[in-house]
Each structure stands twice: as C-alpha cells, then as structure tokens.
Amino acid sequence: MSAALTPEQIQAALAGLAGWEMEGSKLLKAYRFKDFKAALAFINQAGVIAEQQGHHPEIHNVWNQVTLRLCTHDAGNQITEKDLTLARALQSLSLP
C-alpha cells in the first residue's frame, strides 16, 4: 500500500512540474492540441508510459483537449509518490 503525501510535500513537488496542479485529492494537468489526431497521439504515448509504470491516470478527452488526473487508489484515492513519478514521466513526452 502506498502512503499519501502531505499537502506540503505535494506543493514542493509541483514546483518542478510545469502545468500540474492539485484538484481536491488529485493531480491535474490539462493539455490543448491542434486537433483530435494530435490529442489521440498524446493519449497513446501517455498510455505506454502509464502501462510501463503500472499506474494509470484518469484521461478525459474532448476533441483537441486532454485532461489527466492522477491519484493512487490503494492510498484511499490520495496523491502519492506514484503519482508524482508518473507526472514527471509524462512531462518528458514530446507534444505534437
């Protein structure tokens, strides 16, 4: 079971994660792409990373907009180091 992070730990980590923010007990980042095809390509890239880590985000897609939300279910749907690790890995994606 993963341990939930404190709000202070989360805020400190967010300083190094451009565009990520807290939304309740989840990490959130919204992306906007030139079209649906580019948004879908990003979702597929994010899916590969998530699968490699065995930690999967909530993904919401509307045409050219993708919103990712991260929390850890086995920590009571709170933010853990697993979420920060995934957010950092997603930051490395080259955006179309």
PDB file of N, CA and C in Angstrom:
ATOM      1  N   MET A   1       0.847  -1.189   0.000  1.00  0.00           N
ATOM      2  CA  MET A   1       0.000   0.000   0.000  1.00  0.00           C
ATOM      3  C   MET A   1       0.885   1.242   0.000  1.00  0.00           C
ATOM      4  N   SER A   2       0.503   2.231  -0.754  1.00  0.00           N
ATOM      5  CA  SER A   2       1.255   3.480  -0.886  1.00  0.00           C
ATOM      6  C   SER A   2       0.819   4.468   0.184  1.00  0.00           C
ATOM      7  N   ALA A   3       1.751   5.302   0.620  1.00  0.00           N
ATOM      8  CA  ALA A   3       1.460   6.313   1.634  1.00  0.00           C
ATOM      9  C   ALA A   3       1.095   7.632   0.961  1.00  0.00           C
ATOM     10  N   ALA A   4       0.016   8.239   1.422  1.00  0.00           N
ATOM     11  CA  ALA A   4      -0.395   9.544   0.910  1.00  0.00           C
ATOM     12  C   ALA A   4       0.628  10.595   1.326  1.00  0.00           C
ATOM     13  N   LEU A   5       0.872  11.547   0.433  1.00  0.00           N
ATOM     14  CA  LEU A   5       1.786  12.647   0.720  1.00  0.00           C
ATOM     15  C   LEU A   5       1.046  13.777   1.425  1.00  0.00           C
ATOM     16  N   THR A   6       1.795  14.576   2.150  1.00  0.00           N
ATOM     17  CA  THR A   6       1.196  15.739   2.802  1.00  0.00           C
ATOM     18  C   THR A   6       1.009  16.850   1.774  1.00  0.00           C
ATOM     19  N   PRO A   7       0.123  17.785   2.051  1.00  0.00           N
ATOM     20  CA  PRO A   7      -0.032  18.926   1.127  1.00  0.00           C
ATOM     21  C   PRO A   7       1.287  19.670   0.903  1.00  0.00           C
ATOM     22  N   GLU A   8       2.116  19.771   1.918  1.00  0.00           N
ATOM     23  CA  GLU A   8       3.398  20.455   1.789  1.00  0.00           C
ATOM     24  C   GLU A   8       4.329  19.694   0.843  1.00  0.00           C
ATOM     25  N   GLN A   9       4.352  18.379   0.955  1.00  0.00           N
ATOM     26  CA  GLN A   9       5.175  17.565   0.055  1.00  0.00           C
ATOM     27  C   GLN A   9       4.699  17.706  -1.393  1.00  0.00           C
ATOM     28  N   ILE A  10       3.404  17.726  -1.565  1.00  0.00           N
ATOM     29  CA  ILE A  10       2.834  17.841  -2.908  1.00  0.00           C
ATOM     30  C   ILE A  10       3.166  19.208  -3.506  1.00  0.00           C
ATOM     31  N   GLN A  11       2.969  20.274  -2.738  1.00  0.00           N
ATOM     32  CA  GLN A  11       3.253  21.617  -3.237  1.00  0.00           C
ATOM     33  C   GLN A  11       4.727  21.767  -3.607  1.00  0.00           C
ATOM     34  N   ALA A  12       5.605  21.204  -2.802  1.00  0.00           N
ATOM     35  CA  ALA A  12       7.035  21.267  -3.109  1.00  0.00           C
ATOM     36  C   ALA A  12       7.333  20.552  -4.425  1.00  0.00           C
ATOM     37  N   ALA A  13       6.709  19.411  -4.645  1.00  0.00           N
ATOM     38  CA  ALA A  13       6.935  18.652  -5.880  1.00  0.00           C
ATOM     39  C   ALA A  13       6.353  19.367  -7.091  1.00  0.00           C
ATOM     40  N   LEU A  14       5.230  20.045  -6.912  1.00  0.00           N
ATOM     41  CA  LEU A  14       4.593  20.740  -8.034  1.00  0.00           C
ATOM     42  C   LEU A  14       5.450  21.875  -8.576  1.00  0.00           C
ATOM     43  N   ALA A  15       6.359  22.383  -7.779  1.00  0.00           N
ATOM     44  CA  ALA A  15       7.250  23.444  -8.237  1.00  0.00           C
ATOM     45  C   ALA A  15       8.080  22.987  -9.432  1.00  0.00           C
ATOM     46  N   GLY A  16       8.338  21.697  -9.528  1.00  0.00           N
ATOM     47  CA  GLY A  16       9.111  21.161 -10.641  1.00  0.00           C
ATOM     48  C   GLY A  16       8.272  20.504 -11.722  1.00  0.00           C
ATOM     49  N   LEU A  17       6.964  20.665 -11.647  1.00  0.00           N
ATOM     50  CA  LEU A  17       6.064  20.034 -12.622  1.00  0.00           C
ATOM     51  C   LEU A  17       5.203  21.105 -13.294  1.00  0.00           C
ATOM     52  N   ALA A  18       5.699  21.652 -14.380  1.00  0.00           N
ATOM     53  CA  ALA A  18       5.018  22.748 -15.078  1.00  0.00           C
ATOM     54  C   ALA A  18       3.611  22.355 -15.504  1.00  0.00           C
ATOM     55  N   GLY A  19       2.653  23.180 -15.117  1.00  0.00           N
ATOM     56  CA  GLY A  19       1.278  22.994 -15.553  1.00  0.00           C
ATOM     57  C   GLY A  19       0.456  22.041 -14.700  1.00  0.00           C
ATOM     58  N   TRP A  20       1.085  21.322 -13.789  1.00  0.00           N
ATOM     59  CA  TRP A  20       0.346  20.416 -12.903  1.00  0.00           C
ATOM     60  C   TRP A  20      -0.148  21.202 -11.691  1.00  0.00           C
ATOM     61  N   GLU A  21      -1.333  20.832 -11.211  1.00  0.00           N
ATOM     62  CA  GLU A  21      -1.899  21.480 -10.026  1.00  0.00           C
ATOM     63  C   GLU A  21      -2.703  20.462  -9.236  1.00  0.00           C
ATOM     64  N   MET A  22      -3.048  20.834  -8.024  1.00  0.00           N
ATOM     65  CA  MET A  22      -3.914  19.984  -7.209  1.00  0.00           C
ATOM     66  C   MET A  22      -5.360  20.348  -7.489  1.00  0.00           C
ATOM     67  N   GLU A  23      -6.167  19.313  -7.621  1.00  0.00           N
ATOM     68  CA  GLU A  23      -7.614  19.484  -7.730  1.00  0.00           C
ATOM     69  C   GLU A  23      -8.211  18.531  -6.704  1.00  0.00           C
ATOM     70  N   GLY A  24      -8.551  19.046  -5.560  1.00  0.00           N
ATOM     71  CA  GLY A  24      -9.005  18.175  -4.480  1.00  0.00           C
ATOM     72  C   GLY A  24      -7.868  17.257  -4.063  1.00  0.00           C
ATOM     73  N   SER A  25      -8.101  15.961  -4.150  1.00  0.00           N
ATOM     74  CA  SER A  25      -7.075  14.986  -3.771  1.00  0.00           C
ATOM     75  C   SER A  25      -6.435  14.334  -4.996  1.00  0.00           C
ATOM     76  N   LYS A  26      -6.395  15.081  -6.102  1.00  0.00           N
ATOM     77  CA  LYS A  26      -5.798  14.563  -7.332  1.00  0.00           C
ATOM     78  C   LYS A  26      -4.839  15.596  -7.924  1.00  0.00           C
ATOM     79  N   LEU A  27      -3.882  15.099  -8.704  1.00  0.00           N
ATOM     80  CA  LEU A  27      -3.055  15.971  -9.524  1.00  0.00           C
ATOM     81  C   LEU A  27      -3.746  16.118 -10.867  1.00  0.00           C
ATOM     82  N   LEU A  28      -3.713  17.298 -11.438  1.00  0.00           N
ATOM     83  CA  LEU A  28      -4.410  17.567 -12.699  1.00  0.00           C
ATOM     84  C   LEU A  28      -3.506  18.349 -13.629  1.00  0.00           C
ATOM     85  N   LYS A  29      -3.567  17.982 -14.897  1.00  0.00           N
ATOM     86  CA  LYS A  29      -2.941  18.789 -15.946  1.00  0.00           C
ATOM     87  C   LYS A  29      -3.822  18.721 -17.179  1.00  0.00           C
ATOM     88  N   ALA A  30      -4.069  19.887 -17.773  1.00  0.00           N
ATOM     89  CA  ALA A  30      -4.872  19.983 -18.995  1.00  0.00           C
ATOM     90  C   ALA A  30      -3.963  20.343 -20.158  1.00  0.00           C
ATOM     91  N   TYR A  31      -4.178  19.692 -21.276  1.00  0.00           N
ATOM     92  CA  TYR A  31      -3.405  19.922 -22.499  1.00  0.00           C
ATOM     93  C   TYR A  31      -4.358  20.340 -23.604  1.00  0.00           C
ATOM     94  N   ARG A  32      -3.866  21.158 -24.517  1.00  0.00           N
ATOM     95  CA  ARG A  32      -4.632  21.536 -25.710  1.00  0.00           C
ATOM     96  C   ARG A  32      -3.738  21.275 -26.918  1.00  0.00           C
ATOM     97  N   PHE A  33      -4.290  20.609 -27.912  1.00  0.00           N
ATOM     98  CA  PHE A  33      -3.548  20.237 -29.111  1.00  0.00           C
ATOM     99  C   PHE A  33      -4.176  20.879 -30.336  1.00  0.00           C
ATOM    100  N   LYS A  34      -3.502  20.745 -31.478  1.00  0.00           N
ATOM    101  CA  LYS A  34      -4.019  21.399 -32.693  1.00  0.00           C
ATOM    102  C   LYS A  34      -5.292  20.739 -33.207  1.00  0.00           C
ATOM    103  N   ASP A  35      -5.456  19.434 -32.932  1.00  0.00           N
ATOM    104  CA  ASP A  35      -6.652  18.731 -33.399  1.00  0.00           C
ATOM    105  C   ASP A  35      -6.807  17.416 -32.645  1.00  0.00           C
ATOM    106  N   PHE A  36      -7.853  16.685 -32.980  1.00  0.00           N
ATOM    107  CA  PHE A  36      -8.149  15.420 -32.311  1.00  0.00           C
ATOM    108  C   PHE A  36      -7.047  14.395 -32.541  1.00  0.00           C
ATOM    109  N   LYS A  37      -6.519  14.354 -33.737  1.00  0.00           N
ATOM    110  CA  LYS A  37      -5.470  13.387 -34.055  1.00  0.00           C
ATOM    111  C   LYS A  37      -4.246  13.578 -33.154  1.00  0.00           C
ATOM    112  N   ALA A  38      -3.843  14.816 -32.931  1.00  0.00           N
ATOM    113  CA  ALA A  38      -2.699  15.110 -32.065  1.00  0.00           C
ATOM    114  C   ALA A  38      -3.024  14.760 -30.609  1.00  0.00           C
ATOM    115  N   ALA A  39      -4.244  15.039 -30.185  1.00  0.00           N
ATOM    116  CA  ALA A  39      -4.655  14.693 -28.818  1.00  0.00           C
ATOM    117  C   ALA A  39      -4.624  13.177 -28.616  1.00  0.00           C
ATOM    118  N   LEU A  40      -5.108  12.455 -29.596  1.00  0.00           N
ATOM    119  CA  LEU A  40      -5.129  10.995 -29.505  1.00  0.00           C
ATOM    120  C   LEU A  40      -3.712  10.413 -29.508  1.00  0.00           C
ATOM    121  N   ALA A  41      -2.822  10.996 -30.295  1.00  0.00           N
ATOM    122  CA  ALA A  41      -1.420  10.550 -30.302  1.00  0.00           C
ATOM    123  C   ALA A  41      -0.801  10.738 -28.916  1.00  0.00           C
ATOM    124  N   PHE A  42      -1.089  11.860 -28.277  1.00  0.00           N
ATOM    125  CA  PHE A  42      -0.595  12.107 -26.932  1.00  0.00           C
ATOM    126  C   PHE A  42      -1.153  11.077 -25.949  1.00  0.00           C
ATOM    127  N   ILE A  43      -2.441  10.803 -26.035  1.00  0.00           N
ATOM    128  CA  ILE A  43      -3.059   9.815 -25.144  1.00  0.00           C
ATOM    129  C   ILE A  43      -2.378   8.461 -25.299  1.00  0.00           C
ATOM    130  N   ASN A  44      -2.079   8.081 -26.522  1.00  0.00           N
ATOM    131  CA  ASN A  44      -1.407   6.802 -26.752  1.00  0.00           C
ATOM    132  C   ASN A  44      -0.006   6.791 -26.140  1.00  0.00           C
ATOM    133  N   GLN A  45       0.744   7.892 -26.287  1.00  0.00           N
ATOM    134  CA  GLN A  45       2.074   7.987 -25.675  1.00  0.00           C
ATOM    135  C   GLN A  45       1.972   7.915 -24.153  1.00  0.00           C
ATOM    136  N   ALA A  46       1.017   8.636 -23.595  1.00  0.00           N
ATOM    137  CA  ALA A  46       0.818   8.630 -22.142  1.00  0.00           C
ATOM    138  C   ALA A  46       0.437   7.229 -21.669  1.00  0.00           C
ATOM    139  N   GLY A  47      -0.359   6.541 -22.464  1.00  0.00           N
ATOM    140  CA  GLY A  47      -0.774   5.180 -22.111  1.00  0.00           C
ATOM    141  C   GLY A  47       0.395   4.213 -22.024  1.00  0.00           C
ATOM    142  N   VAL A  48       1.349   4.358 -22.921  1.00  0.00           N
ATOM    143  CA  VAL A  48       2.534   3.495 -22.896  1.00  0.00           C
ATOM    144  C   VAL A  48       3.314   3.720 -21.606  1.00  0.00           C
ATOM    145  N   ILE A  49       3.523   4.968 -21.239  1.00  0.00           N
ATOM    146  CA  ILE A  49       4.249   5.286 -20.002  1.00  0.00           C
ATOM    147  C   ILE A  49       3.489   4.767 -18.789  1.00  0.00           C
ATOM    148  N   ALA A  50       2.193   5.009 -18.749  1.00  0.00           N
ATOM    149  CA  ALA A  50       1.377   4.556 -17.621  1.00  0.00           C
ATOM    150  C   ALA A  50       1.433   3.031 -17.484  1.00  0.00           C
ATOM    151  N   GLU A  51       1.358   2.341 -18.591  1.00  0.00           N
ATOM    152  CA  GLU A  51       1.398   0.880 -18.560  1.00  0.00           C
ATOM    153  C   GLU A  51       2.762   0.389 -18.069  1.00  0.00           C
ATOM    154  N   GLN A  52       3.837   1.040 -18.503  1.00  0.00           N
ATOM    155  CA  GLN A  52       5.173   0.667 -18.035  1.00  0.00           C
ATOM    156  C   GLN A  52       5.288   0.823 -16.523  1.00  0.00           C
ATOM    157  N   GLN A  53       4.652   1.844 -15.978  1.00  0.00           N
ATOM    158  CA  GLN A  53       4.721   2.097 -14.541  1.00  0.00           C
ATOM    159  C   GLN A  53       3.659   1.328 -13.759  1.00  0.00           C
ATOM    160  N   GLY A  54       2.696   0.750 -14.448  1.00  0.00           N
ATOM    161  CA  GLY A  54       1.617   0.052 -13.759  1.00  0.00           C
ATOM    162  C   GLY A  54       0.771   1.000 -12.916  1.00  0.00           C
ATOM    163  N   HIS A  55       0.660   2.225 -13.379  1.00  0.00           N
ATOM    164  CA  HIS A  55      -0.095   3.258 -12.659  1.00  0.00           C
ATOM    165  C   HIS A  55      -0.816   4.097 -13.701  1.00  0.00           C
ATOM    166  N   HIS A  56      -2.121   4.104 -13.677  1.00  0.00           N
ATOM    167  CA  HIS A  56      -2.896   4.622 -14.798  1.00  0.00           C
ATOM    168  C   HIS A  56      -3.689   5.873 -14.424  1.00  0.00           C
ATOM    169  N   PRO A  57      -3.589   6.911 -15.247  1.00  0.00           N
ATOM    170  CA  PRO A  57      -4.306   8.158 -14.973  1.00  0.00           C
ATOM    171  C   PRO A  57      -5.768   8.081 -15.404  1.00  0.00           C
ATOM    172  N   GLU A  58      -6.544   9.001 -14.871  1.00  0.00           N
ATOM    173  CA  GLU A  58      -7.866   9.252 -15.426  1.00  0.00           C
ATOM    174  C   GLU A  58      -7.620  10.140 -16.646  1.00  0.00           C
ATOM    175  N   ILE A  59      -8.188   9.774 -17.771  1.00  0.00           N
ATOM    176  CA  ILE A  59      -7.983  10.528 -19.009  1.00  0.00           C
ATOM    177  C   ILE A  59      -9.340  10.985 -19.523  1.00  0.00           C
ATOM    178  N   HIS A  60      -9.437  12.286 -19.752  1.00  0.00           N
ATOM    179  CA  HIS A  60     -10.660  12.852 -20.317  1.00  0.00           C
ATOM    180  C   HIS A  60     -10.274  13.578 -21.596  1.00  0.00           C
ATOM    181  N   ASN A  61     -10.944  13.237 -22.697  1.00  0.00           N
ATOM    182  CA  ASN A  61     -10.634  13.829 -23.995  1.00  0.00           C
ATOM    183  C   ASN A  61     -11.890  14.394 -24.633  1.00  0.00           C
ATOM    184  N   VAL A  62     -11.798  15.653 -25.042  1.00  0.00           N
ATOM    185  CA  VAL A  62     -12.836  16.287 -25.849  1.00  0.00           C
ATOM    186  C   VAL A  62     -12.126  16.970 -27.004  1.00  0.00           C
ATOM    187  N   TRP A  63     -12.287  16.441 -28.171  1.00  0.00           N
ATOM    188  CA  TRP A  63     -11.678  16.880 -29.420  1.00  0.00           C
ATOM    189  C   TRP A  63     -10.188  17.128 -29.256  1.00  0.00           C
ATOM    190  N   ASN A  64      -9.743  18.376 -29.078  1.00  0.00           N
ATOM    191  CA  ASN A  64      -8.306  18.655 -29.017  1.00  0.00           C
ATOM    192  C   ASN A  64      -7.811  18.885 -27.586  1.00  0.00           C
ATOM    193  N   GLN A  65      -8.644  18.588 -26.615  1.00  0.00           N
ATOM    194  CA  GLN A  65      -8.287  18.814 -25.220  1.00  0.00           C
ATOM    195  C   GLN A  65      -8.198  17.489 -24.468  1.00  0.00           C
ATOM    196  N   VAL A  66      -7.113  17.350 -23.703  1.00  0.00           N
ATOM    197  CA  VAL A  66      -6.907  16.153 -22.886  1.00  0.00           C
ATOM    198  C   VAL A  66      -6.636  16.613 -21.465  1.00  0.00           C
ATOM    199  N   THR A  67      -7.355  16.049 -20.517  1.00  0.00           N
ATOM    200  CA  THR A  67      -7.119  16.332 -19.112  1.00  0.00           C
ATOM    201  C   THR A  67      -6.722  15.033 -18.426  1.00  0.00           C
ATOM    202  N   LEU A  68      -5.613  15.090 -17.686  1.00  0.00           N
ATOM    203  CA  LEU A  68      -5.144  13.943 -16.919  1.00  0.00           C
ATOM    204  C   LEU A  68      -5.332  14.234 -15.443  1.00  0.00           C
ATOM    205  N   ARG A  69      -5.803  13.245 -14.716  1.00  0.00           N
ATOM    206  CA  ARG A  69      -5.911  13.334 -13.260  1.00  0.00           C
ATOM    207  C   ARG A  69      -5.233  12.104 -12.671  1.00  0.00           C
ATOM    208  N   LEU A  70      -4.427  12.344 -11.638  1.00  0.00           N
ATOM    209  CA  LEU A  70      -3.667  11.274 -11.005  1.00  0.00           C
ATOM    210  C   LEU A  70      -3.993  11.198  -9.522  1.00  0.00           C
ATOM    211  N   CYS A  71      -4.240   9.988  -9.051  1.00  0.00           N
ATOM    212  CA  CYS A  71      -4.327   9.686  -7.629  1.00  0.00           C
ATOM    213  C   CYS A  71      -4.038   8.197  -7.484  1.00  0.00           C
ATOM    214  N   THR A  72      -3.795   7.764  -6.264  1.00  0.00           N
ATOM    215  CA  THR A  72      -3.455   6.366  -6.031  1.00  0.00           C
ATOM    216  C   THR A  72      -4.602   5.700  -5.287  1.00  0.00           C
ATOM    217  N   HIS A  73      -5.219   4.724  -5.935  1.00  0.00           N
ATOM    218  CA  HIS A  73      -6.407   4.080  -5.376  1.00  0.00           C
ATOM    219  C   HIS A  73      -6.113   3.328  -4.082  1.00  0.00           C
ATOM    220  N   ASP A  74      -4.954   2.647  -4.017  1.00  0.00           N
ATOM    221  CA  ASP A  74      -4.678   1.880  -2.801  1.00  0.00           C
ATOM    222  C   ASP A  74      -4.212   2.753  -1.635  1.00  0.00           C
ATOM    223  N   ALA A  75      -4.192   4.066  -1.840  1.00  0.00           N
ATOM    224  CA  ALA A  75      -3.905   5.019  -0.760  1.00  0.00           C
ATOM    225  C   ALA A  75      -5.154   5.847  -0.471  1.00  0.00           C
ATOM    226  N   GLY A  76      -6.310   5.275  -0.749  1.00  0.00           N
ATOM    227  CA  GLY A  76      -7.565   5.987  -0.496  1.00  0.00           C
ATOM    228  C   GLY A  76      -7.819   7.122  -1.458  1.00  0.00           C
ATOM    229  N   ASN A  77      -7.366   6.954  -2.710  1.00  0.00           N
ATOM    230  CA  ASN A  77      -7.532   7.970  -3.751  1.00  0.00           C
ATOM    231  C   ASN A  77      -6.866   9.294  -3.381  1.00  0.00           C
ATOM    232  N   GLN A  78      -5.710   9.180  -2.758  1.00  0.00           N
ATOM    233  CA  GLN A  78      -4.897  10.337  -2.401  1.00  0.00           C
ATOM    234  C   GLN A  78      -3.682  10.397  -3.320  1.00  0.00           C
ATOM    235  N   ILE A  79      -2.922  11.478  -3.229  1.00  0.00           N
ATOM    236  CA  ILE A  79      -1.717  11.656  -4.035  1.00  0.00           C
ATOM    237  C   ILE A  79      -0.540  11.012  -3.310  1.00  0.00           C
ATOM    238  N   THR A  80       0.211  10.188  -4.049  1.00  0.00           N
ATOM    239  CA  THR A  80       1.382   9.514  -3.504  1.00  0.00           C
ATOM    240  C   THR A  80       2.572   9.759  -4.426  1.00  0.00           C
ATOM    241  N   GLU A  81       3.696   9.206  -4.034  1.00  0.00           N
ATOM    242  CA  GLU A  81       4.899   9.314  -4.857  1.00  0.00           C
ATOM    243  C   GLU A  81       4.671   8.673  -6.225  1.00  0.00           C
ATOM    244  N   LYS A  82       3.817   7.650  -6.310  1.00  0.00           N
ATOM    245  CA  LYS A  82       3.495   7.030  -7.602  1.00  0.00           C
ATOM    246  C   LYS A  82       2.951   8.069  -8.584  1.00  0.00           C
ATOM    247  N   ASP A  83       2.120   8.951  -8.090  1.00  0.00           N
ATOM    248  CA  ASP A  83       1.515   9.977  -8.946  1.00  0.00           C
ATOM    249  C   ASP A  83       2.555  10.982  -9.416  1.00  0.00           C
ATOM    250  N   LEU A  84       3.433  11.373  -8.507  1.00  0.00           N
ATOM    251  CA  LEU A  84       4.488  12.316  -8.883  1.00  0.00           C
ATOM    252  C   LEU A  84       5.450  11.687  -9.883  1.00  0.00           C
ATOM    253  N   THR A  85       5.757  10.421  -9.693  1.00  0.00           N
ATOM    254  CA  THR A  85       6.647   9.720 -10.625  1.00  0.00           C
ATOM    255  C   THR A  85       6.023   9.667 -12.013  1.00  0.00           C
ATOM    256  N   LEU A  86       4.730   9.362 -12.081  1.00  0.00           N
ATOM    257  CA  LEU A  86       4.051   9.322 -13.373  1.00  0.00           C
ATOM    258  C   LEU A  86       3.981  10.717 -13.992  1.00  0.00           C
ATOM    259  N   ALA A  87       3.675  11.731 -13.200  1.00  0.00           N
ATOM    260  CA  ALA A  87       3.611  13.102 -13.720  1.00  0.00           C
ATOM    261  C   ALA A  87       4.967  13.515 -14.295  1.00  0.00           C
ATOM    262  N   ARG A  88       6.042  13.181 -13.598  1.00  0.00           N
ATOM    263  CA  ARG A  88       7.378  13.522 -14.110  1.00  0.00           C
ATOM    264  C   ARG A  88       7.657  12.809 -15.428  1.00  0.00           C
ATOM    265  N   ALA A  89       7.283  11.556 -15.525  1.00  0.00           N
ATOM    266  CA  ALA A  89       7.496  10.803 -16.763  1.00  0.00           C
ATOM    267  C   ALA A  89       6.670  11.392 -17.904  1.00  0.00           C
ATOM    268  N   LEU A  90       5.447  11.799 -17.615  1.00  0.00           N
ATOM    269  CA  LEU A  90       4.585  12.390 -18.649  1.00  0.00           C
ATOM    270  C   LEU A  90       5.142  13.730 -19.117  1.00  0.00           C
ATOM    271  N   GLN A  91       5.845  14.449 -18.249  1.00  0.00           N
ATOM    272  CA  GLN A  91       6.463  15.718 -18.636  1.00  0.00           C
ATOM    273  C   GLN A  91       7.470  15.526 -19.754  1.00  0.00           C
ATOM    274  N   SER A  92       8.043  14.326 -19.846  1.00  0.00           N
ATOM    275  CA  SER A  92       9.091  14.071 -20.845  1.00  0.00           C
ATOM    276  C   SER A  92       8.538  13.830 -22.242  1.00  0.00           C
ATOM    277  N   LEU A  93       7.228  13.711 -22.377  1.00  0.00           N
ATOM    278  CA  LEU A  93       6.646  13.462 -23.697  1.00  0.00           C
ATOM    279  C   LEU A  93       6.845  14.663 -24.607  1.00  0.00           C
ATOM    280  N   SER A  94       7.187  14.364 -25.846  1.00  0.00           N
ATOM    281  CA  SER A  94       7.237  15.443 -26.835  1.00  0.00           C
ATOM    282  C   SER A  94       5.814  15.659 -27.334  1.00  0.00           C
ATOM    283  N   LEU A  95       5.337  16.864 -27.199  1.00  0.00           N
ATOM    284  CA  LEU A  95       3.962  17.137 -27.571  1.00  0.00           C
ATOM    285  C   LEU A  95       3.873  17.443 -29.058  1.00  0.00           C
ATOM    286  N   PRO A  96       2.875  16.842 -29.712  1.00  0.00           N
ATOM    287  CA  PRO A  96       2.702  17.069 -31.153  1.00  0.00           C
ATOM    288  C   PRO A  96       2.282  18.502 -31.448  1.00  0.00           C
TER     289      PRO A  96
END
